[in-house]
C-alpha atoms as a PDB file:
ATOM      1  CA  MET A   1       3.367 -14.855  42.252  1.00  0.00           C
ATOM      2  CA  VAL A   2       0.366 -16.794  40.965  1.00  0.00           C
ATOM      3  CA  LEU A   3      -1.320 -14.670  38.314  1.00  0.00           C
ATOM      4  CA  THR A   4      -5.113 -14.541  38.257  1.00  0.00           C
ATOM      5  CA  LYS A   5      -7.442 -12.498  36.087  1.00  0.00           C
ATOM      6  CA  HIS A   6      -8.481 -10.482  39.156  1.00  0.00           C
ATOM      7  CA  LYS A   7      -4.866  -9.648  40.007  1.00  0.00           C
ATOM      8  CA  LEU A   8      -4.083  -8.758  36.382  1.00  0.00           C
ATOM      9  CA  LEU A   9      -7.083  -6.413  36.122  1.00  0.00           C
ATOM     10  CA  LEU A  10      -6.344  -4.798  39.494  1.00  0.00           C
ATOM     11  CA  ILE A  11      -2.703  -4.031  38.646  1.00  0.00           C
ATOM     12  CA  CYS A  12      -3.638  -2.713  35.199  1.00  0.00           C
ATOM     13  CA  LEU A  13      -6.378  -0.544  36.742  1.00  0.00           C
ATOM     14  CA  LEU A  14      -3.870   0.986  39.168  1.00  0.00           C
ATOM     15  CA  LEU A  15      -1.531   1.792  36.280  1.00  0.00           C
ATOM     16  CA  VAL A  16      -4.424   3.339  34.327  1.00  0.00           C
ATOM     17  CA  VAL A  17      -5.155   5.575  37.330  1.00  0.00           C
ATOM     18  CA  LEU A  18      -1.466   6.540  37.445  1.00  0.00           C
ATOM     19  CA  MET A  19      -1.574   7.381  33.744  1.00  0.00           C
ATOM     20  CA  ALA A  20      -4.693   9.520  34.261  1.00  0.00           C
ATOM     21  CA  ILE A  21      -2.983  11.436  37.090  1.00  0.00           C
ATOM     22  CA  VAL A  22       0.172  12.024  35.024  1.00  0.00           C
ATOM     23  CA  THR A  23      -1.947  13.137  32.051  1.00  0.00           C
ATOM     24  CA  SER A  24      -3.906  15.605  34.206  1.00  0.00           C
ATOM     25  CA  PHE A  25      -0.757  17.215  35.584  1.00  0.00           C
ATOM     26  CA  SER A  26       0.797  17.362  32.132  1.00  0.00           C
ATOM     27  CA  LEU A  27      -2.297  19.095  30.764  1.00  0.00           C
ATOM     28  CA  MET A  28      -2.049  21.783  33.447  1.00  0.00           C
ATOM     29  CA  ILE A  29       1.700  22.398  33.188  1.00  0.00           C
ATOM     30  CA  GLY A  30       3.239  24.481  30.426  1.00  0.00           C
ATOM     31  CA  THR A  31       4.931  27.698  29.400  1.00  0.00           C
ATOM     32  CA  THR A  32       1.590  29.533  29.338  1.00  0.00           C
ATOM     33  CA  ARG A  33      -0.421  29.392  32.533  1.00  0.00           C
ATOM     34  CA  VAL A  34      -3.908  28.112  31.765  1.00  0.00           C
ATOM     35  CA  ASP A  35      -6.868  27.844  34.141  1.00  0.00           C
ATOM     36  CA  THR A  36      -7.432  24.240  33.146  1.00  0.00           C
ATOM     37  CA  TRP A  37     -10.182  23.448  35.625  1.00  0.00           C
ATOM     38  CA  ASN A  38     -12.333  26.450  34.737  1.00  0.00           C
ATOM     39  CA  THR A  39     -11.849  25.805  31.012  1.00  0.00           C
ATOM     40  CA  ILE A  40     -12.970  22.174  31.307  1.00  0.00           C
ATOM     41  CA  THR A  41     -15.939  22.977  33.561  1.00  0.00           C
ATOM     42  CA  ALA A  42     -17.003  25.721  31.164  1.00  0.00           C
ATOM     43  CA  LEU A  43     -17.044  23.182  28.358  1.00  0.00           C
ATOM     44  CA  ILE A  44     -19.064  20.739  30.466  1.00  0.00           C
ATOM     45  CA  TYR A  45     -21.692  23.328  31.439  1.00  0.00           C
ATOM     46  CA  ASP A  46     -21.732  24.910  27.973  1.00  0.00           C
ATOM     47  CA  ARG A  47     -20.433  28.282  29.138  1.00  0.00           C
ATOM     48  CA  LYS A  48     -18.236  30.709  27.233  1.00  0.00           C
ATOM     49  CA  VAL A  49     -14.684  29.396  26.884  1.00  0.00           C
ATOM     50  CA  ASP A  50     -11.579  31.525  26.359  1.00  0.00           C
ATOM     51  CA  PRO A  51     -10.522  30.558  22.789  1.00  0.00           C
ATOM     52  CA  VAL A  52      -6.830  31.001  23.636  1.00  0.00           C
ATOM     53  CA  PHE A  53      -7.035  28.649  26.609  1.00  0.00           C
ATOM     54  CA  PHE A  54      -9.087  26.177  24.559  1.00  0.00           C
ATOM     55  CA  SER A  55      -6.495  26.124  21.780  1.00  0.00           C
ATOM     56  CA  ILE A  56      -3.592  25.665  24.194  1.00  0.00           C
ATOM     57  CA  LEU A  57      -5.259  22.798  26.047  1.00  0.00           C
ATOM     58  CA  PHE A  58      -6.996  20.870  23.288  1.00  0.00           C
ATOM     59  CA  LYS A  59      -5.115  21.750  20.106  1.00  0.00           C
ATOM     60  CA  ILE A  60      -1.533  21.872  21.403  1.00  0.00           C
ATOM     61  CA  ARG A  61      -1.114  20.036  24.713  1.00  0.00           C
ATOM     62  CA  LEU A  62      -3.674  17.223  24.501  1.00  0.00           C
ATOM     63  CA  PRO A  63      -2.609  15.744  21.129  1.00  0.00           C
ATOM     64  CA  ARG A  64       1.020  15.935  22.250  1.00  0.00           C
ATOM     65  CA  ILE A  65       0.187  14.119  25.503  1.00  0.00           C
ATOM     66  CA  LEU A  66      -1.794  11.440  23.689  1.00  0.00           C
ATOM     67  CA  LEU A  67       0.948  10.869  21.116  1.00  0.00           C
ATOM     68  CA  ALA A  68       3.624  10.719  23.825  1.00  0.00           C
ATOM     69  CA  GLY A  69       1.608   8.101  25.722  1.00  0.00           C
ATOM     70  CA  LEU A  70       1.110   5.966  22.629  1.00  0.00           C
ATOM     71  CA  VAL A  71       4.795   6.149  21.681  1.00  0.00           C
ATOM     72  CA  GLY A  72       5.834   5.151  25.200  1.00  0.00           C
ATOM     73  CA  MET A  73       3.353   2.269  25.143  1.00  0.00           C
ATOM     74  CA  VAL A  74       4.613   0.915  21.810  1.00  0.00           C
ATOM     75  CA  LEU A  75       8.323   1.217  22.613  1.00  0.00           C
ATOM     76  CA  SER A  76       7.859  -0.450  26.019  1.00  0.00           C
ATOM     77  CA  MET A  77       5.859  -3.405  24.667  1.00  0.00           C
ATOM     78  CA  ALA A  78       8.352  -3.901  21.841  1.00  0.00           C
ATOM     79  CA  GLY A  79      11.172  -3.819  24.388  1.00  0.00           C
ATOM     80  CA  VAL A  80       9.495  -6.624  26.350  1.00  0.00           C
ATOM     81  CA  VAL A  81       9.261  -8.772  23.226  1.00  0.00           C
ATOM     82  CA  PHE A  82      12.847  -8.184  22.100  1.00  0.00           C
ATOM     83  CA  GLN A  83      14.230  -8.936  25.560  1.00  0.00           C
ATOM     84  CA  ALA A  84      12.170 -12.125  25.753  1.00  0.00           C
ATOM     85  CA  LEU A  85      12.974 -13.509  22.310  1.00  0.00           C
ATOM     86  CA  LEU A  86      16.635 -12.522  22.279  1.00  0.00           C
ATOM     87  CA  ARG A  87      16.953 -13.535  25.945  1.00  0.00           C
ATOM     88  CA  ASN A  88      19.147 -10.502  26.392  1.00  0.00           C
ATOM     89  CA  PRO A  89      18.494  -7.911  29.134  1.00  0.00           C
ATOM     90  CA  LEU A  90      20.079  -5.177  27.008  1.00  0.00           C
ATOM     91  CA  ALA A  91      17.759  -5.663  24.029  1.00  0.00           C
ATOM     92  CA  GLU A  92      15.391  -2.837  23.118  1.00  0.00           C
ATOM     93  CA  PRO A  93      13.345  -1.736  20.086  1.00  0.00           C
ATOM     94  CA  PHE A  94      16.363  -0.112  18.460  1.00  0.00           C
ATOM     95  CA  VAL A  95      18.619  -3.163  18.635  1.00  0.00           C
ATOM     96  CA  LEU A  96      17.552  -4.301  15.151  1.00  0.00           C
ATOM     97  CA  GLY A  97      18.507  -1.005  13.540  1.00  0.00           C
ATOM     98  CA  ILE A  98      14.887   0.140  13.187  1.00  0.00           C
ATOM     99  CA  SER A  99      15.585   3.584  14.616  1.00  0.00           C
ATOM    100  CA  SER A 100      18.578   4.241  12.382  1.00  0.00           C
ATOM    101  CA  GLY A 101      16.618   3.059   9.344  1.00  0.00           C
ATOM    102  CA  ALA A 102      13.755   5.422  10.184  1.00  0.00           C
ATOM    103  CA  ALA A 103      16.254   8.188  10.870  1.00  0.00           C
ATOM    104  CA  ILE A 104      17.951   7.895   7.481  1.00  0.00           C
ATOM    105  CA  GLY A 105      14.549   8.044   5.780  1.00  0.00           C
ATOM    106  CA  ALA A 106      13.603  11.195   7.683  1.00  0.00           C
ATOM    107  CA  VAL A 107      17.002  12.811   7.129  1.00  0.00           C
ATOM    108  CA  LEU A 108      16.756  12.277   3.375  1.00  0.00           C
ATOM    109  CA  ALA A 109      13.263  13.786   3.365  1.00  0.00           C
ATOM    110  CA  ILE A 110      14.501  16.891   5.210  1.00  0.00           C
ATOM    111  CA  ILE A 111      17.568  17.293   2.979  1.00  0.00           C
ATOM    112  CA  PHE A 112      15.520  17.029  -0.231  1.00  0.00           C
ATOM    113  CA  GLY A 113      13.004  19.557   1.058  1.00  0.00           C
ATOM    114  CA  ILE A 114      10.021  17.268   1.626  1.00  0.00           C
ATOM    115  CA  GLY A 115      10.323  17.001   5.409  1.00  0.00           C
ATOM    116  CA  TYR A 116       6.828  18.287   6.101  1.00  0.00           C
ATOM    117  CA  GLY A 117       3.282  16.988   6.364  1.00  0.00           C
ATOM    118  CA  ILE A 118       2.876  13.296   5.675  1.00  0.00           C
ATOM    119  CA  PHE A 119       6.177  12.989   3.797  1.00  0.00           C
ATOM    120  CA  LEU A 120       8.418  12.930   6.893  1.00  0.00           C
ATOM    121  CA  PRO A 121       6.681  10.061   8.751  1.00  0.00           C
ATOM    122  CA  THR A 122       6.189   8.196   5.464  1.00  0.00           C
ATOM    123  CA  THR A 123       9.873   8.266   4.527  1.00  0.00           C
ATOM    124  CA  ALA A 124      10.844   7.409   8.102  1.00  0.00           C
ATOM    125  CA  PHE A 125       8.490   4.438   8.061  1.00  0.00           C
ATOM    126  CA  LEU A 126       9.857   3.239   4.718  1.00  0.00           C
ATOM    127  CA  GLY A 127      13.416   3.540   6.043  1.00  0.00           C
ATOM    128  CA  ALA A 128      12.481   1.451   9.079  1.00  0.00           C
ATOM    129  CA  LEU A 129      10.921  -1.202   6.853  1.00  0.00           C
ATOM    130  CA  VAL A 130      14.061  -1.361   4.692  1.00  0.00           C
ATOM    131  CA  SER A 131      16.235  -1.774   7.779  1.00  0.00           C
ATOM    132  CA  MET A 132      13.954  -4.456   9.226  1.00  0.00           C
ATOM    133  CA  ALA A 133      13.815  -6.371   5.929  1.00  0.00           C
ATOM    134  CA  LEU A 134      17.608  -6.211   5.611  1.00  0.00           C
ATOM    135  CA  VAL A 135      18.208  -7.569   9.117  1.00  0.00           C
ATOM    136  CA  PHE A 136      15.698 -10.409   8.787  1.00  0.00           C
ATOM    137  CA  SER A 137      16.802 -11.410   5.287  1.00  0.00           C
ATOM    138  CA  LEU A 138      20.413 -11.707   6.452  1.00  0.00           C
ATOM    139  CA  ALA A 139      19.451 -13.516   9.656  1.00  0.00           C
ATOM    140  CA  ARG A 140      17.225 -16.002   7.823  1.00  0.00           C
ATOM    141  CA  ARG A 141      20.083 -17.192   5.620  1.00  0.00           C
ATOM    142  CA  GLN A 142      20.669 -19.756   8.308  1.00  0.00           C
ATOM    143  CA  THR A 143      18.240 -22.592   9.047  1.00  0.00           C
ATOM    144  CA  ARG A 144      17.866 -21.325  12.590  1.00  0.00           C
ATOM    145  CA  MET A 145      17.494 -17.617  13.278  1.00  0.00           C
ATOM    146  CA  SER A 146      20.020 -17.252  16.093  1.00  0.00           C
ATOM    147  CA  SER A 147      19.381 -14.480  18.611  1.00  0.00           C
ATOM    148  CA  THR A 148      23.079 -13.621  18.602  1.00  0.00           C
ATOM    149  CA  THR A 149      23.030 -13.372  14.802  1.00  0.00           C
ATOM    150  CA  VAL A 150      20.020 -11.041  14.872  1.00  0.00           C
ATOM    151  CA  ILE A 151      21.697  -8.764  17.424  1.00  0.00           C
ATOM    152  CA  LEU A 152      25.005  -8.634  15.550  1.00  0.00           C
ATOM    153  CA  ILE A 153      23.338  -7.939  12.195  1.00  0.00           C
ATOM    154  CA  GLY A 154      21.160  -5.271  13.821  1.00  0.00           C
ATOM    155  CA  VAL A 155      24.237  -3.583  15.280  1.00  0.00           C
ATOM    156  CA  VAL A 156      26.045  -3.634  11.923  1.00  0.00           C
ATOM    157  CA  VAL A 157      23.024  -2.274  10.015  1.00  0.00           C
ATOM    158  CA  SER A 158      22.501   0.417  12.656  1.00  0.00           C
ATOM    159  CA  ALA A 159      26.160   1.440  12.477  1.00  0.00           C
ATOM    160  CA  PHE A 160      26.007   1.646   8.679  1.00  0.00           C
ATOM    161  CA  PHE A 161      22.902   3.855   8.662  1.00  0.00           C
ATOM    162  CA  SER A 162      24.329   5.985  11.490  1.00  0.00           C
ATOM    163  CA  SER A 163      27.451   6.653   9.426  1.00  0.00           C
ATOM    164  CA  LEU A 164      25.255   7.762   6.511  1.00  0.00           C
ATOM    165  CA  ILE A 165      23.362  10.094   8.843  1.00  0.00           C
ATOM    166  CA  MET A 166      26.615  11.642  10.088  1.00  0.00           C
ATOM    167  CA  PHE A 167      27.717  12.121   6.479  1.00  0.00           C
ATOM    168  CA  PHE A 168      24.524  14.009   5.601  1.00  0.00           C
ATOM    169  CA  ILE A 169      24.791  16.111   8.767  1.00  0.00           C
ATOM    170  CA  ALA A 170      28.389  16.995   7.863  1.00  0.00           C
ATOM    171  CA  ILE A 171      27.425  18.297   4.412  1.00  0.00           C
ATOM    172  CA  THR A 172      24.320  20.175   5.624  1.00  0.00           C
ATOM    173  CA  SER A 173      24.927  23.722   6.820  1.00  0.00           C
ATOM    174  CA  ASP A 174      21.613  25.576   6.636  1.00  0.00           C
ATOM    175  CA  HIS A 175      18.390  25.622   8.665  1.00  0.00           C
ATOM    176  CA  ARG A 176      17.734  21.976   7.831  1.00  0.00           C
ATOM    177  CA  LEU A 177      20.501  20.917  10.224  1.00  0.00           C
ATOM    178  CA  SER A 178      18.519  21.920  13.329  1.00  0.00           C
ATOM    179  CA  ALA A 179      15.448  20.041  12.049  1.00  0.00           C
ATOM    180  CA  ILE A 180      17.557  16.916  11.491  1.00  0.00           C
ATOM    181  CA  LEU A 181      19.185  17.023  14.926  1.00  0.00           C
ATOM    182  CA  PHE A 182      15.889  17.709  16.731  1.00  0.00           C
ATOM    183  CA  TRP A 183      14.157  14.780  15.001  1.00  0.00           C
ATOM    184  CA  LEU A 184      17.071  12.448  15.750  1.00  0.00           C
ATOM    185  CA  TYR A 185      16.505  13.000  19.484  1.00  0.00           C
ATOM    186  CA  GLY A 186      12.717  12.756  19.335  1.00  0.00           C
ATOM    187  CA  ASP A 187      10.344  15.585  18.469  1.00  0.00           C
ATOM    188  CA  LEU A 188       6.735  15.741  19.724  1.00  0.00           C
ATOM    189  CA  SER A 189       6.352  19.511  19.456  1.00  0.00           C
ATOM    190  CA  LEU A 190       4.160  19.397  16.340  1.00  0.00           C
ATOM    191  CA  SER A 191       1.892  16.546  17.405  1.00  0.00           C
ATOM    192  CA  THR A 192      -1.555  16.387  15.819  1.00  0.00           C
ATOM    193  CA  TYR A 193      -4.718  14.345  16.256  1.00  0.00           C
ATOM    194  CA  GLU A 194      -4.026  12.849  12.827  1.00  0.00           C
ATOM    195  CA  GLN A 195      -0.815  11.307  14.180  1.00  0.00           C
ATOM    196  CA  VAL A 196      -2.700  10.044  17.226  1.00  0.00           C
ATOM    197  CA  GLY A 197      -5.304   8.525  14.909  1.00  0.00           C
ATOM    198  CA  ILE A 198      -2.579   6.680  12.995  1.00  0.00           C
ATOM    199  CA  LEU A 199      -0.682   5.369  16.023  1.00  0.00           C
ATOM    200  CA  ALA A 200      -3.618   4.537  18.333  1.00  0.00           C
ATOM    201  CA  PRO A 201      -4.980   1.531  16.385  1.00  0.00           C
ATOM    202  CA  VAL A 202      -1.420   0.321  15.775  1.00  0.00           C
ATOM    203  CA  ALA A 203      -0.658   0.423  19.508  1.00  0.00           C
ATOM    204  CA  ILE A 204      -3.946  -1.169  20.599  1.00  0.00           C
ATOM    205  CA  LEU A 205      -4.140  -3.915  17.968  1.00  0.00           C
ATOM    206  CA  GLY A 206      -0.405  -4.582  18.206  1.00  0.00           C
ATOM    207  CA  GLY A 207      -0.617  -4.866  21.994  1.00  0.00           C
ATOM    208  CA  ILE A 208      -3.550  -7.290  21.814  1.00  0.00           C
ATOM    209  CA  PHE A 209      -1.724  -9.412  19.238  1.00  0.00           C
ATOM    210  CA  LEU A 210       1.487  -9.542  21.289  1.00  0.00           C
ATOM    211  CA  PHE A 211      -0.457 -10.372  24.459  1.00  0.00           C
ATOM    212  CA  GLY A 212      -1.852 -13.403  22.647  1.00  0.00           C
ATOM    213  CA  TYR A 213       1.707 -14.765  22.457  1.00  0.00           C
ATOM    214  CA  SER A 214       2.564 -14.053  26.110  1.00  0.00           C
ATOM    215  CA  ARG A 215       2.397 -17.744  27.105  1.00  0.00           C
ATOM    216  CA  SER A 216       4.674 -18.660  24.196  1.00  0.00           C
ATOM    217  CA  MET A 217       7.196 -16.040  25.343  1.00  0.00           C
ATOM    218  CA  ASN A 218       7.102 -17.507  28.858  1.00  0.00           C
ATOM    219  CA  ILE A 219       7.888 -20.955  27.471  1.00  0.00           C
ATOM    220  CA  ILE A 220      10.639 -19.705  25.133  1.00  0.00           C
ATOM    221  CA  ASN A 221      12.288 -17.976  28.087  1.00  0.00           C
ATOM    222  CA  THR A 222      12.817 -21.385  29.700  1.00  0.00           C
ATOM    223  CA  GLY A 223      14.935 -22.388  26.712  1.00  0.00           C
ATOM    224  CA  GLU A 224      14.291 -22.953  23.020  1.00  0.00           C
ATOM    225  CA  ASP A 225      14.894 -26.700  23.194  1.00  0.00           C
ATOM    226  CA  VAL A 226      12.419 -27.049  26.056  1.00  0.00           C
ATOM    227  CA  ALA A 227       9.913 -24.887  24.180  1.00  0.00           C
ATOM    228  CA  LYS A 228      10.144 -27.147  21.108  1.00  0.00           C
ATOM    229  CA  GLN A 229       9.543 -30.201  23.276  1.00  0.00           C
ATOM    230  CA  LEU A 230       6.417 -28.504  24.637  1.00  0.00           C
ATOM    231  CA  GLY A 231       5.059 -27.951  21.147  1.00  0.00           C
ATOM    232  CA  VAL A 232       5.997 -24.317  20.517  1.00  0.00           C
ATOM    233  CA  GLU A 233       7.067 -23.570  16.938  1.00  0.00           C
ATOM    234  CA  VAL A 234       9.954 -21.416  18.121  1.00  0.00           C
ATOM    235  CA  GLU A 235      11.246 -20.145  14.769  1.00  0.00           C
ATOM    236  CA  ARG A 236       7.776 -19.220  13.504  1.00  0.00           C
ATOM    237  CA  VAL A 237       6.845 -17.503  16.785  1.00  0.00           C
ATOM    238  CA  LYS A 238      10.111 -15.553  16.820  1.00  0.00           C
ATOM    239  CA  LEU A 239       9.685 -14.419  13.229  1.00  0.00           C
ATOM    240  CA  VAL A 240       6.071 -13.316  13.788  1.00  0.00           C
ATOM    241  CA  LEU A 241       6.809 -11.464  17.024  1.00  0.00           C
ATOM    242  CA  PHE A 242       9.969  -9.840  15.648  1.00  0.00           C
ATOM    243  CA  GLY A 243       8.011  -8.686  12.617  1.00  0.00           C
ATOM    244  CA  VAL A 244       5.009  -7.280  14.506  1.00  0.00           C
ATOM    245  CA  SER A 245       7.182  -5.588  17.161  1.00  0.00           C
ATOM    246  CA  SER A 246       9.390  -4.054  14.494  1.00  0.00           C
ATOM    247  CA  LEU A 247       6.390  -2.787  12.524  1.00  0.00           C
ATOM    248  CA  ILE A 248       4.712  -1.064  15.474  1.00  0.00           C
ATOM    249  CA  THR A 249       8.078   0.400  16.516  1.00  0.00           C
ATOM    250  CA  ALA A 250       8.598   1.699  12.977  1.00  0.00           C
ATOM    251  CA  VAL A 251       5.227   3.485  13.068  1.00  0.00           C
ATOM    252  CA  ALA A 252       6.031   5.011  16.476  1.00  0.00           C
ATOM    253  CA  VAL A 253       9.475   6.199  15.383  1.00  0.00           C
ATOM    254  CA  ALA A 254       8.024   7.588  12.146  1.00  0.00           C
ATOM    255  CA  GLU A 255       5.556   9.707  14.132  1.00  0.00           C
ATOM    256  CA  SER A 256       7.852  10.855  16.955  1.00  0.00           C
ATOM    257  CA  GLY A 257      11.483  10.645  15.887  1.00  0.00           C
ATOM    258  CA  VAL A 258      14.193   8.587  17.555  1.00  0.00           C
ATOM    259  CA  ILE A 259      13.568   8.205  21.293  1.00  0.00           C
ATOM    260  CA  GLY A 260      15.846   5.860  23.160  1.00  0.00           C
ATOM    261  CA  PHE A 261      15.893   4.160  26.568  1.00  0.00           C
ATOM    262  CA  VAL A 262      12.127   3.776  27.019  1.00  0.00           C
ATOM    263  CA  GLY A 263      12.097   0.247  25.620  1.00  0.00           C
ATOM    264  CA  LEU A 264      15.033  -0.677  27.846  1.00  0.00           C
ATOM    265  CA  ILE A 265      14.225   0.740  31.261  1.00  0.00           C
ATOM    266  CA  VAL A 266      10.440   0.314  31.453  1.00  0.00           C
ATOM    267  CA  PRO A 267      10.377  -3.491  30.941  1.00  0.00           C
ATOM    268  CA  HIS A 268      13.095  -3.866  33.575  1.00  0.00           C
ATOM    269  CA  LEU A 269      11.208  -1.724  36.075  1.00  0.00           C
ATOM    270  CA  MET A 270       8.042  -3.732  35.551  1.00  0.00           C
ATOM    271  CA  ARG A 271       9.972  -6.996  35.764  1.00  0.00           C
ATOM    272  CA  MET A 272      11.451  -5.866  39.080  1.00  0.00           C
ATOM    273  CA  ALA A 273       8.018  -4.869  40.369  1.00  0.00           C
ATOM    274  CA  PHE A 274       5.827  -7.720  39.095  1.00  0.00           C
ATOM    275  CA  GLY A 275       8.100 -10.551  37.973  1.00  0.00           C
ATOM    276  CA  PRO A 276       8.890 -12.105  34.577  1.00  0.00           C
ATOM    277  CA  ASP A 277       5.446 -13.496  33.621  1.00  0.00           C
ATOM    278  CA  HIS A 278       4.742 -11.928  30.213  1.00  0.00           C
ATOM    279  CA  ARG A 279       0.980 -12.169  30.716  1.00  0.00           C
ATOM    280  CA  LEU A 280       1.464  -9.400  33.290  1.00  0.00           C
ATOM    281  CA  LEU A 281       4.741  -7.903  32.103  1.00  0.00           C
ATOM    282  CA  LEU A 282       3.468  -6.942  28.644  1.00  0.00           C
ATOM    283  CA  PRO A 283       0.348  -4.920  29.646  1.00  0.00           C
ATOM    284  CA  THR A 284       2.005  -3.295  32.668  1.00  0.00           C
ATOM    285  CA  SER A 285       5.003  -2.231  30.576  1.00  0.00           C
ATOM    286  CA  GLY A 286       2.685  -0.697  27.988  1.00  0.00           C
ATOM    287  CA  LEU A 287       0.658   1.254  30.562  1.00  0.00           C
ATOM    288  CA  PHE A 288       3.638   2.402  32.631  1.00  0.00           C
ATOM    289  CA  GLY A 289       5.591   3.214  29.466  1.00  0.00           C
ATOM    290  CA  ALA A 290       2.802   5.612  28.483  1.00  0.00           C
ATOM    291  CA  SER A 291       3.003   7.393  31.854  1.00  0.00           C
ATOM    292  CA  PHE A 292       6.800   7.480  31.706  1.00  0.00           C
ATOM    293  CA  MET A 293       6.810   9.055  28.258  1.00  0.00           C
ATOM    294  CA  ILE A 294       4.128  11.634  29.107  1.00  0.00           C
ATOM    295  CA  ALA A 295       6.123  12.709  32.171  1.00  0.00           C
ATOM    296  CA  ALA A 296       9.361  12.854  30.160  1.00  0.00           C
ATOM    297  CA  ASP A 297       7.776  14.966  27.427  1.00  0.00           C
ATOM    298  CA  THR A 298       6.264  17.322  30.019  1.00  0.00           C
ATOM    299  CA  ALA A 299       9.748  17.839  31.426  1.00  0.00           C
ATOM    300  CA  ALA A 300      11.128  18.356  27.896  1.00  0.00           C
ATOM    301  CA  ARG A 301       8.757  21.254  27.200  1.00  0.00           C
ATOM    302  CA  THR A 302       9.016  22.924  30.624  1.00  0.00           C
ATOM    303  CA  VAL A 303      12.457  22.373  32.178  1.00  0.00           C
ATOM    304  CA  VAL A 304      14.151  25.092  30.080  1.00  0.00           C
ATOM    305  CA  SER A 305      10.983  27.079  29.351  1.00  0.00           C
ATOM    306  CA  PRO A 306      10.304  28.988  27.120  1.00  0.00           C
ATOM    307  CA  ASN A 307      12.692  26.822  25.074  1.00  0.00           C
ATOM    308  CA  GLU A 308      12.209  23.083  24.566  1.00  0.00           C
ATOM    309  CA  LEU A 309      14.455  20.052  24.727  1.00  0.00           C
ATOM    310  CA  PRO A 310      14.122  16.971  22.524  1.00  0.00           C
ATOM    311  CA  VAL A 311      12.306  14.373  24.608  1.00  0.00           C
ATOM    312  CA  GLY A 312      15.041  11.822  23.873  1.00  0.00           C
ATOM    313  CA  VAL A 313      17.445  13.932  25.915  1.00  0.00           C
ATOM    314  CA  ILE A 314      15.141  13.683  28.930  1.00  0.00           C
ATOM    315  CA  THR A 315      14.595   9.917  28.642  1.00  0.00           C
ATOM    316  CA  ALA A 316      18.336   9.292  28.497  1.00  0.00           C
ATOM    317  CA  PHE A 317      19.178  11.827  31.231  1.00  0.00           C
ATOM    318  CA  LEU A 318      16.588  10.436  33.653  1.00  0.00           C
ATOM    319  CA  GLY A 319      16.714   6.810  32.606  1.00  0.00           C
ATOM    320  CA  ALA A 320      20.395   5.934  32.793  1.00  0.00           C
ATOM    321  CA  PRO A 321      21.181   6.941  36.410  1.00  0.00           C
ATOM    322  CA  PHE A 322      17.789   5.774  37.689  1.00  0.00           C
ATOM    323  CA  PHE A 323      18.256   2.382  36.071  1.00  0.00           C
ATOM    324  CA  ILE A 324      21.756   2.004  37.523  1.00  0.00           C
ATOM    325  CA  MET A 325      20.471   2.990  40.979  1.00  0.00           C
ATOM    326  CA  LEU A 326      17.717   0.367  40.830  1.00  0.00           C
ATOM    327  CA  LEU A 327      20.151  -2.351  39.821  1.00  0.00           C
ATOM    328  CA  ARG A 328      22.503  -1.432  42.674  1.00  0.00           C
ATOM    329  CA  THR A 329      19.835  -1.224  45.355  1.00  0.00           C
ATOM    330  CA  ARG A 330      17.337  -3.943  44.326  1.00  0.00           C
ATOM    331  CA  GLY A 331      18.967  -6.039  41.649  1.00  0.00           C
ATOM    332  CA  SER A 332      17.306  -7.327  38.521  1.00  0.00           C
ATOM    333  CA  ARG A 333      14.823 -10.163  38.320  1.00  0.00           C
ATOM    334  CA  TRP A 334      15.934 -10.982  34.798  1.00  0.00           C
ATOM    335  CA  GLY A 335      15.517 -14.728  34.251  1.00  0.00           C
END
């Protein structure tokens, strides 16, 4: 498929419309039945608004929807980058141990009684940075940063941090245990506009930056030796893209908890639908990832209403069989 600016804008516009539809349904659906349309029209025409309905829609549901969309966007774009640079269809944002690093930071904050307010995302972010720095410092000991080396080191670091997490869970027996387990599977129940304000510029600026390297990712996918012959500084590009993707993933995980599968399935779905060109694959994955995550979080807060499920349970439950079905029926366009 020959990619033109018109085709790129048209596809992205269709995905924006899809995201708007998913967001509208998510805003209307919940444990408490809210007359969403009348509430919004009352606001538009400056009529009296039920304060309860207003709070439910704009102080509880809307920030949660916005944060879910941003998290899905970041994880999906990072998944595209990791799969491209590692040339591995199983790569995703958590392959470098970022999630386990963020998780150990959050777990320590909860255990020491500072798992509230800004402390929880801050410690999670610091843990992700430590994990990322550890993986890259070990991988860069060689002249060439091998993709296989990065994956193996990421797996080892992730396993080490996961064992520490299990140790802390084993010695924790009070109310903090439920908070730890819920965060480890992704928790968007306490989303705020402050979190949206932190993640939104990270997602937008990070996406624009990564899109600027989309042609380089296309060339690297043909082979690193060929890319070098065409003038691409492969090692520098890989280091920059790994770093930026890891940073935006760390911010997303710090704000939402550990949510798996999004960065794996969404890039594959978009690759199956639109092909491997990263100039199209990166923006479509970001937009569809937002819709996917909003829908998953809506299911998490309604499927066992009035109780809630961690959104990570939904993404894994829906993602794994759906992904296998797509591979069996349509095949993958990887490579």
